[in-house]
Amino acid sequence: MASDIAEVRPQALLLTFFGGHVLGRGVRVSTGSVLKVLDRVGVAQHAARSALGRMADHGLLQRHRRGRQVYLGLTSRSREILNDGEIRIWRTGVVNDRWDGTWTLLGFTVPESQRQQRHLLRSRLLWAGFGSLQGGLWIAPSPVEVNAVLEDIEAAEHVKVFQARAIAPTDVDDLVGGAWDLQGLAKTYQRFIERWSPDPPESEAMDALARQLQLTAEWLQILRQDPRLPIRHLPDDWPAEQAQRLFRRLHAALEPEARAIAVELLETIPDTDEGAS
């Protein structure tokens, strides 16, 4: 792997770890073994503890004490986030070749007195794959579960949502190029390809588990920036599919050794709350 490793925050690495080794397994994992895993990816213990603390404060982790050990379990909220990540990585894919031409249009005018709510709304729209068309008009190239996007946002009362199709004289290629930073997203995919190609050499500093966590966290970070625009309105040399093939091949190659390391390293207890939450 090239030396210019993408910067991935400790919380992103932790979410990747919990998604790959805790989600759906009915276990809680000891704090000490989580810290050991993060150390293998180069995250200092104080940074890892701080990230774990923030996740617990935000309702993403539950702490359970057993004797002198503290075990970490998932919450319904963290399971929802991790399941979404799993869908984006393994089921949805980066190629949108079945688009039927329907756009979701969302418009809003939020008063200046609710500036913070306006910022939160824009952040949620970007997260959900919307692009800014003009002013307070945002678009997404598929049906969107808008109620989930607007959950707990006070400014939701100022939002109007429609579904529509573009007609002449609208140039959809120009519309897509204006609403999203295609050049920036393409460069992000290309940097991923360059960083992980050709096959990254064995690293003395990072074993298979650490490399797989870094790889997956980087990939998910890219996917969360990609609105999955219709392939017919993207440049012919769009690099997303090439990057996806590379990710899946490397992930599969690392999986057996990474899984074996995790089994040996992680100290777990049954999560008796998982079935109920």
Protein backbone atom coordinates (compact mmCIF):
# COMPACT_ATOMS: atom_id res chain seq x y z
CA MET A 1 0.00 0.00 0.00
CA ALA A 2 1.33 3.43 -0.88
CA SER A 3 2.52 5.69 1.89
CA ASP A 4 -0.22 8.30 1.36
CA ILE A 5 -2.82 6.34 3.35
CA ALA A 6 -6.13 8.16 3.42
CA GLU A 7 -6.90 9.80 6.72
CA VAL A 8 -9.68 7.85 8.40
CA ARG A 9 -10.96 9.00 11.78
CA PRO A 10 -10.82 6.60 14.73
CA GLN A 11 -14.63 6.49 14.94
CA ALA A 12 -14.83 5.38 11.28
CA LEU A 13 -12.35 2.59 11.99
CA LEU A 14 -14.31 1.59 15.08
CA LEU A 15 -17.58 1.46 13.17
CA THR A 16 -15.86 -0.67 10.53
CA PHE A 17 -14.57 -2.99 13.24
CA PHE A 18 -17.97 -3.34 14.94
CA GLY A 19 -19.66 -3.86 11.58
CA GLY A 20 -17.27 -6.62 10.59
CA HIS A 21 -16.74 -8.43 13.90
CA VAL A 22 -19.64 -7.65 16.25
CA LEU A 23 -22.77 -6.90 14.21
CA GLY A 24 -25.04 -9.93 13.96
CA ARG A 25 -22.76 -12.15 16.06
CA GLY A 26 -24.61 -11.80 19.35
CA VAL A 27 -21.56 -10.73 21.34
CA ARG A 28 -20.11 -7.88 23.35
CA VAL A 29 -16.40 -7.26 23.06
CA SER A 30 -14.00 -6.17 25.79
CA THR A 31 -12.68 -2.62 25.67
CA GLY A 32 -9.12 -3.91 26.00
CA SER A 33 -9.32 -6.04 22.88
CA VAL A 34 -10.89 -3.19 20.90
CA LEU A 35 -7.97 -0.97 21.90
CA LYS A 36 -5.55 -3.67 20.71
CA VAL A 37 -7.26 -3.76 17.33
CA LEU A 38 -7.09 0.02 16.93
CA ASP A 39 -3.43 0.00 17.96
CA ARG A 40 -2.74 -2.31 15.02
CA VAL A 41 -4.15 0.34 12.68
CA GLY A 42 -1.94 3.01 14.25
CA VAL A 43 -4.54 4.68 16.49
CA ALA A 44 -3.09 5.75 19.83
CA GLN A 45 -4.87 4.46 22.94
CA HIS A 46 -5.98 7.92 24.13
CA ALA A 47 -7.54 8.66 20.71
CA ALA A 48 -9.27 5.28 20.66
CA ARG A 49 -10.65 5.72 24.19
CA SER A 50 -11.86 9.20 23.32
CA ALA A 51 -13.67 7.90 20.21
CA LEU A 52 -15.25 5.06 22.22
CA GLY A 53 -16.42 7.57 24.82
CA ARG A 54 -18.03 9.79 22.19
CA MET A 55 -19.75 6.79 20.62
CA ALA A 56 -21.18 5.79 24.00
CA ASP A 57 -22.30 9.37 24.70
CA HIS A 58 -24.09 9.48 21.33
CA GLY A 59 -25.94 6.25 21.94
CA LEU A 60 -23.87 4.08 19.60
CA LEU A 61 -22.37 1.79 22.24
CA GLN A 62 -23.49 0.32 25.57
CA ARG A 63 -20.96 -0.36 28.32
CA HIS A 64 -21.38 -3.51 30.41
CA ARG A 65 -19.13 -4.21 33.39
CA ARG A 66 -18.29 -7.78 34.35
CA GLY A 67 -15.83 -7.91 37.20
CA ARG A 68 -12.91 -5.67 36.28
CA GLN A 69 -13.63 -5.86 32.58
CA VAL A 70 -15.83 -3.51 30.57
CA TYR A 71 -17.54 -4.96 27.51
CA LEU A 72 -18.99 -2.96 24.64
CA GLY A 73 -22.30 -3.83 22.99
CA LEU A 74 -24.16 -2.34 20.07
CA THR A 75 -27.37 -0.31 20.36
CA SER A 76 -30.37 -0.23 18.05
CA ARG A 77 -29.03 3.03 16.60
CA SER A 78 -25.55 1.68 15.89
CA ARG A 79 -27.02 -1.49 14.36
CA GLU A 80 -29.07 0.69 12.01
CA ILE A 81 -25.96 2.61 10.94
CA LEU A 82 -23.89 -0.54 10.52
CA ASN A 83 -26.61 -2.31 8.56
CA ASP A 84 -26.80 0.70 6.25
CA GLY A 85 -23.04 0.51 5.73
CA GLU A 86 -23.24 -3.20 4.95
CA ILE A 87 -25.97 -2.58 2.37
CA ARG A 88 -23.93 0.17 0.70
CA ILE A 89 -20.82 -1.99 0.53
CA TRP A 90 -22.19 -5.38 -0.46
CA ARG A 91 -25.67 -4.98 -1.93
CA THR A 92 -26.22 -1.55 -3.48
CA GLY A 93 -22.93 -1.25 -5.36
CA VAL A 94 -21.58 1.80 -7.17
CA VAL A 95 -23.31 1.33 -10.53
CA ASN A 96 -26.77 2.83 -10.98
CA ASP A 97 -27.82 1.35 -14.34
CA ARG A 98 -31.54 0.84 -13.61
CA TRP A 99 -32.60 4.45 -13.11
CA ASP A 100 -36.06 5.14 -14.56
CA GLY A 101 -35.57 8.89 -14.98
CA THR A 102 -37.39 9.91 -11.79
CA TRP A 103 -35.91 12.68 -9.65
CA THR A 104 -36.73 13.48 -6.05
CA LEU A 105 -36.98 17.25 -5.67
CA LEU A 106 -36.76 18.84 -2.25
CA GLY A 107 -37.19 22.56 -1.66
CA PHE A 108 -36.92 24.62 1.49
CA THR A 109 -36.63 28.17 2.76
CA VAL A 110 -35.40 28.17 6.35
CA PRO A 111 -35.51 31.49 8.26
CA GLU A 112 -32.22 33.08 9.27
CA SER A 113 -33.22 32.58 12.91
CA GLN A 114 -32.89 28.82 12.32
CA ARG A 115 -29.46 28.97 10.71
CA GLN A 116 -28.16 25.96 12.67
CA GLN A 117 -31.16 23.88 11.58
CA ARG A 118 -30.52 24.93 7.98
CA HIS A 119 -26.93 23.71 8.24
CA LEU A 120 -28.11 20.40 9.74
CA LEU A 121 -30.66 19.98 6.97
CA ARG A 122 -28.04 20.55 4.26
CA SER A 123 -25.70 18.05 5.92
CA ARG A 124 -28.45 15.43 6.01
CA LEU A 125 -29.29 16.03 2.34
CA LEU A 126 -25.67 15.60 1.28
CA TRP A 127 -25.48 12.39 3.35
CA ALA A 128 -28.62 11.10 1.58
CA GLY A 129 -27.12 11.74 -1.88
CA PHE A 130 -28.88 15.00 -2.77
CA GLY A 131 -27.17 17.63 -4.88
CA SER A 132 -27.86 21.36 -4.77
CA LEU A 133 -29.57 22.45 -7.99
CA GLN A 134 -30.08 26.11 -7.13
CA GLY A 135 -30.93 28.11 -4.05
CA GLY A 136 -33.01 25.97 -1.74
CA LEU A 137 -33.81 23.35 -4.40
CA TRP A 138 -32.08 19.97 -4.03
CA ILE A 139 -32.38 16.85 -6.19
CA ALA A 140 -31.64 13.12 -5.92
CA PRO A 141 -31.75 10.62 -8.81
CA SER A 142 -34.10 8.10 -7.22
CA PRO A 143 -36.91 7.77 -4.69
CA VAL A 144 -35.64 8.79 -1.24
CA GLU A 145 -37.10 7.98 2.17
CA VAL A 146 -37.31 11.67 3.06
CA ASN A 147 -38.95 11.16 6.45
CA ALA A 148 -35.82 9.37 7.66
CA VAL A 149 -33.64 12.21 6.36
CA LEU A 150 -35.74 14.82 8.15
CA GLU A 151 -36.10 12.95 11.45
CA ASP A 152 -35.58 15.22 14.49
CA ILE A 153 -34.99 18.32 12.30
CA GLU A 154 -37.12 21.23 13.46
CA ALA A 155 -36.82 22.91 10.05
CA ALA A 156 -38.64 19.98 8.43
CA GLU A 157 -41.83 22.07 8.49
CA HIS A 158 -40.24 24.31 5.81
CA VAL A 159 -39.55 21.41 3.42
CA LYS A 160 -41.59 20.51 0.33
CA VAL A 161 -40.90 17.27 -1.57
CA PHE A 162 -41.88 16.18 -5.08
CA GLN A 163 -41.02 13.55 -7.65
CA ALA A 164 -40.54 14.66 -11.26
CA ARG A 165 -38.94 13.92 -14.63
CA ALA A 166 -36.73 16.28 -16.60
CA ILE A 167 -38.09 17.46 -19.97
CA ALA A 168 -36.68 19.58 -22.80
CA PRO A 169 -34.91 21.94 -22.88
CA THR A 170 -33.25 20.60 -19.71
CA ASP A 171 -29.88 18.99 -20.41
CA VAL A 172 -29.60 16.28 -17.76
CA ASP A 173 -25.83 15.88 -18.25
CA ASP A 174 -25.39 19.59 -17.49
CA LEU A 175 -27.78 19.31 -14.56
CA VAL A 176 -25.78 16.45 -13.03
CA GLY A 177 -22.47 18.23 -13.62
CA GLY A 178 -23.76 21.37 -11.92
CA ALA A 179 -25.35 19.73 -8.89
CA TRP A 180 -22.51 17.35 -7.99
CA ASP A 181 -18.72 17.62 -8.01
CA LEU A 182 -18.07 14.81 -10.48
CA GLN A 183 -14.42 15.68 -10.96
CA GLY A 184 -13.76 15.60 -7.23
CA LEU A 185 -15.55 12.28 -6.76
CA ALA A 186 -13.73 10.71 -9.71
CA LYS A 187 -10.40 11.81 -8.23
CA THR A 188 -11.37 10.25 -4.91
CA TYR A 189 -12.01 6.89 -6.59
CA GLN A 190 -8.80 7.20 -8.61
CA ARG A 191 -6.73 7.89 -5.48
CA PHE A 192 -8.21 4.78 -3.89
CA ILE A 193 -7.18 2.72 -6.92
CA GLU A 194 -3.67 4.15 -6.90
CA ARG A 195 -3.28 3.64 -3.16
CA TRP A 196 -4.29 -0.01 -3.21
CA SER A 197 -2.88 -1.04 -6.61
CA PRO A 198 -1.07 -3.07 -7.57
CA ASP A 199 -1.53 -5.60 -4.79
CA PRO A 200 -0.33 -3.82 -1.65
CA PRO A 201 2.81 -5.40 -0.22
CA GLU A 202 2.88 -7.06 3.17
CA SER A 203 3.39 -4.42 5.83
CA GLU A 204 5.35 -5.08 9.00
CA ALA A 205 3.33 -2.39 10.73
CA MET A 206 -0.13 -3.69 9.72
CA ASP A 207 -1.33 -7.29 9.73
CA ALA A 208 -4.24 -8.62 7.66
CA LEU A 209 -6.86 -7.52 10.19
CA ALA A 210 -5.51 -3.98 10.33
CA ARG A 211 -5.16 -3.71 6.55
CA GLN A 212 -8.70 -4.98 6.03
CA LEU A 213 -10.09 -2.45 8.53
CA GLN A 214 -8.20 0.38 6.83
CA LEU A 215 -9.32 -0.79 3.39
CA THR A 216 -12.98 -1.12 4.37
CA ALA A 217 -13.13 2.15 6.31
CA GLU A 218 -11.62 4.01 3.36
CA TRP A 219 -14.06 2.38 0.95
CA LEU A 220 -17.12 3.15 3.05
CA GLN A 221 -15.92 6.73 3.45
CA ILE A 222 -15.97 7.04 -0.35
CA LEU A 223 -19.35 5.35 -0.73
CA ARG A 224 -20.92 7.82 1.69
CA GLN A 225 -19.80 10.63 -0.65
CA ASP A 226 -21.20 8.93 -3.78
CA PRO A 227 -24.85 9.72 -4.63
CA ARG A 228 -24.93 6.81 -7.12
CA LEU A 229 -25.76 8.94 -10.10
CA PRO A 230 -27.23 7.27 -13.21
CA ILE A 231 -24.40 5.66 -15.14
CA ARG A 232 -25.69 7.06 -18.45
CA HIS A 233 -25.10 10.59 -17.20
CA LEU A 234 -21.53 9.96 -15.99
CA PRO A 235 -18.29 10.20 -18.01
CA ASP A 236 -17.35 7.10 -20.01
CA ASP A 237 -14.15 6.64 -17.97
CA TRP A 238 -15.95 6.79 -14.59
CA PRO A 239 -13.61 4.88 -12.20
CA ALA A 240 -16.11 3.71 -9.55
CA GLU A 241 -16.65 0.19 -10.88
CA GLN A 242 -12.91 -0.44 -11.24
CA ALA A 243 -12.41 0.72 -7.64
CA GLN A 244 -15.22 -1.55 -6.44
CA ARG A 245 -13.71 -4.62 -8.12
CA LEU A 246 -10.36 -3.82 -6.50
CA PHE A 247 -11.92 -3.38 -3.05
CA ARG A 248 -13.86 -6.64 -3.21
CA ARG A 249 -10.88 -8.64 -4.44
CA LEU A 250 -8.56 -7.31 -1.74
CA HIS A 251 -11.17 -7.70 1.00
CA ALA A 252 -11.72 -11.34 0.05
CA ALA A 253 -7.97 -12.00 -0.06
CA LEU A 254 -7.49 -10.57 3.43
CA GLU A 255 -10.61 -12.15 4.97
CA PRO A 256 -9.33 -15.59 6.10
CA GLU A 257 -6.26 -14.28 7.91
CA ALA A 258 -8.08 -11.20 9.27
CA ARG A 259 -10.87 -13.38 10.67
CA ALA A 260 -8.39 -15.75 12.29
CA ILE A 261 -6.54 -12.87 13.96
CA ALA A 262 -9.81 -11.42 15.25
CA VAL A 263 -10.92 -14.75 16.73
CA GLU A 264 -7.61 -15.05 18.58
CA LEU A 265 -7.47 -11.42 19.68
CA LEU A 266 -11.02 -10.56 20.71
CA GLU A 267 -12.41 -11.32 24.15
CA THR A 268 -16.20 -11.53 24.00
CA ILE A 269 -19.24 -12.43 26.05
CA PRO A 270 -22.80 -13.13 24.81
CA ASP A 271 -24.95 -10.05 24.14
CA THR A 272 -28.21 -10.94 25.82
CA ASP A 273 -29.81 -7.66 24.68
CA GLU A 274 -29.30 -8.10 20.92
CA GLY A 275 -32.40 -10.07 20.21
CA ALA A 276 -34.56 -7.62 22.12
CA SER A 277 -33.28 -4.33 20.72
